[in-house]
Amino acid sequence: MTDATMTSKGQITIPAKIRAALGLNTGERVVFTQLDDGTTVMRAKTRSISELQGLLKPAAGKRRKPVATDDLNLG
């Protein structure tokens, strides 16, 4: 286990071993997610939403039709 100490300004230095394991570099962002059981998960935010384009493929034999902007139900 690795420890870190919070400063009076609420800042914590992520230990080098953890930064290396997450592949973090200067200026990159991290995301904190609090789970229902009280656990907090920290993960590197290394992907942008645009990188996910095309990740999911439609089912075999089914073609998706584009939806016109006017047809979108935005709430």
C-alpha atoms as a PDB file:
ATOM      1  CA  MET A   1       0.000   0.000   0.000  1.00  0.00           C
ATOM      2  CA  THR A   2       1.170   3.522  -0.767  1.00  0.00           C
ATOM      3  CA  ASP A   3       0.432   6.579   1.397  1.00  0.00           C
ATOM      4  CA  ALA A   4       0.037  10.261   0.577  1.00  0.00           C
ATOM      5  CA  THR A   5      -0.540  13.279   2.814  1.00  0.00           C
ATOM      6  CA  MET A   6      -2.991  16.055   2.035  1.00  0.00           C
ATOM      7  CA  THR A   7      -1.721  19.639   2.299  1.00  0.00           C
ATOM      8  CA  SER A   8      -3.620  22.475   3.974  1.00  0.00           C
ATOM      9  CA  LYS A   9      -4.831  23.460   0.483  1.00  0.00           C
ATOM     10  CA  GLY A  10      -6.384  20.013  -0.068  1.00  0.00           C
ATOM     11  CA  GLN A  11      -3.713  18.873  -2.510  1.00  0.00           C
ATOM     12  CA  ILE A  12      -2.226  15.384  -2.615  1.00  0.00           C
ATOM     13  CA  THR A  13       0.824  14.264  -4.557  1.00  0.00           C
ATOM     14  CA  ILE A  14       0.101  10.963  -6.274  1.00  0.00           C
ATOM     15  CA  PRO A  15       3.078   8.687  -5.557  1.00  0.00           C
ATOM     16  CA  ALA A  16       5.370   7.960  -8.520  1.00  0.00           C
ATOM     17  CA  LYS A  17       4.601   4.237  -8.451  1.00  0.00           C
ATOM     18  CA  ILE A  18       0.857   4.929  -8.772  1.00  0.00           C
ATOM     19  CA  ARG A  19       1.378   7.555 -11.509  1.00  0.00           C
ATOM     20  CA  ALA A  20       3.442   5.047 -13.476  1.00  0.00           C
ATOM     21  CA  ALA A  21       0.828   2.301 -13.038  1.00  0.00           C
ATOM     22  CA  LEU A  22      -1.914   4.650 -14.295  1.00  0.00           C
ATOM     23  CA  GLY A  23       0.260   6.019 -17.098  1.00  0.00           C
ATOM     24  CA  LEU A  24      -0.259   9.593 -15.848  1.00  0.00           C
ATOM     25  CA  ASN A  25       1.799  12.480 -17.145  1.00  0.00           C
ATOM     26  CA  THR A  26       1.932  16.138 -16.151  1.00  0.00           C
ATOM     27  CA  GLY A  27      -1.326  17.956 -16.840  1.00  0.00           C
ATOM     28  CA  GLU A  28      -3.467  14.843 -17.283  1.00  0.00           C
ATOM     29  CA  ARG A  29      -6.730  14.518 -15.414  1.00  0.00           C
ATOM     30  CA  VAL A  30      -7.957  11.917 -12.961  1.00  0.00           C
ATOM     31  CA  VAL A  31     -11.544  11.004 -12.124  1.00  0.00           C
ATOM     32  CA  PHE A  32     -12.771  10.123  -8.631  1.00  0.00           C
ATOM     33  CA  THR A  33     -15.868   7.936  -8.331  1.00  0.00           C
ATOM     34  CA  GLN A  34     -17.495   7.304  -4.968  1.00  0.00           C
ATOM     35  CA  LEU A  35     -19.193   3.912  -4.736  1.00  0.00           C
ATOM     36  CA  ASP A  36     -22.242   3.075  -2.622  1.00  0.00           C
ATOM     37  CA  ASP A  37     -20.127   1.109  -0.137  1.00  0.00           C
ATOM     38  CA  GLY A  38     -18.039   4.215   0.680  1.00  0.00           C
ATOM     39  CA  THR A  39     -15.069   3.217  -1.473  1.00  0.00           C
ATOM     40  CA  THR A  40     -13.583   5.897  -3.719  1.00  0.00           C
ATOM     41  CA  VAL A  41     -12.007   4.847  -7.004  1.00  0.00           C
ATOM     42  CA  MET A  42      -9.434   7.030  -8.764  1.00  0.00           C
ATOM     43  CA  ARG A  43      -8.740   6.438 -12.442  1.00  0.00           C
ATOM     44  CA  ALA A  44      -6.854   8.215 -15.166  1.00  0.00           C
ATOM     45  CA  LYS A  45      -9.002  10.132 -17.625  1.00  0.00           C
ATOM     46  CA  THR A  46      -6.929   9.227 -20.639  1.00  0.00           C
ATOM     47  CA  ARG A  47      -9.611   8.834 -23.306  1.00  0.00           C
ATOM     48  CA  SER A  48     -11.779  11.448 -24.895  1.00  0.00           C
ATOM     49  CA  ILE A  49     -15.302  10.633 -25.978  1.00  0.00           C
ATOM     50  CA  SER A  50     -14.282  11.027 -29.618  1.00  0.00           C
ATOM     51  CA  GLU A  51     -11.916   8.053 -29.255  1.00  0.00           C
ATOM     52  CA  LEU A  52     -14.911   5.807 -28.580  1.00  0.00           C
ATOM     53  CA  GLN A  53     -16.473   6.467 -31.989  1.00  0.00           C
ATOM     54  CA  GLY A  54     -16.925   3.210 -33.866  1.00  0.00           C
ATOM     55  CA  LEU A  55     -16.112   1.060 -30.831  1.00  0.00           C
ATOM     56  CA  LEU A  56     -19.515  -0.615 -30.851  1.00  0.00           C
ATOM     57  CA  LYS A  57     -20.579  -2.262 -34.073  1.00  0.00           C
ATOM     58  CA  PRO A  58     -24.217  -2.843 -35.067  1.00  0.00           C
ATOM     59  CA  ALA A  59     -25.529  -6.405 -34.989  1.00  0.00           C
ATOM     60  CA  ALA A  60     -24.664  -8.471 -38.058  1.00  0.00           C
ATOM     61  CA  GLY A  61     -27.000  -7.822 -40.973  1.00  0.00           C
ATOM     62  CA  LYS A  62     -28.570  -4.717 -39.429  1.00  0.00           C
ATOM     63  CA  ARG A  63     -27.841  -1.274 -40.772  1.00  0.00           C
ATOM     64  CA  ARG A  64     -28.556   1.754 -38.694  1.00  0.00           C
ATOM     65  CA  LYS A  65     -30.210   4.739 -40.308  1.00  0.00           C
ATOM     66  CA  PRO A  66     -29.100   8.227 -39.314  1.00  0.00           C
ATOM     67  CA  VAL A  67     -31.579  10.182 -37.203  1.00  0.00           C
ATOM     68  CA  ALA A  68     -32.408  13.717 -38.265  1.00  0.00           C
ATOM     69  CA  THR A  69     -31.748  16.365 -35.631  1.00  0.00           C
ATOM     70  CA  ASP A  70     -35.414  17.398 -35.711  1.00  0.00           C
ATOM     71  CA  ASP A  71     -36.423  13.829 -34.788  1.00  0.00           C
ATOM     72  CA  LEU A  72     -34.342  13.684 -31.628  1.00  0.00           C
ATOM     73  CA  ASN A  73     -36.303  13.787 -28.396  1.00  0.00           C
ATOM     74  CA  LEU A  74     -34.136  15.963 -26.169  1.00  0.00           C
ATOM     75  CA  GLY A  75     -36.395  15.849 -23.139  1.00  0.00           C
END
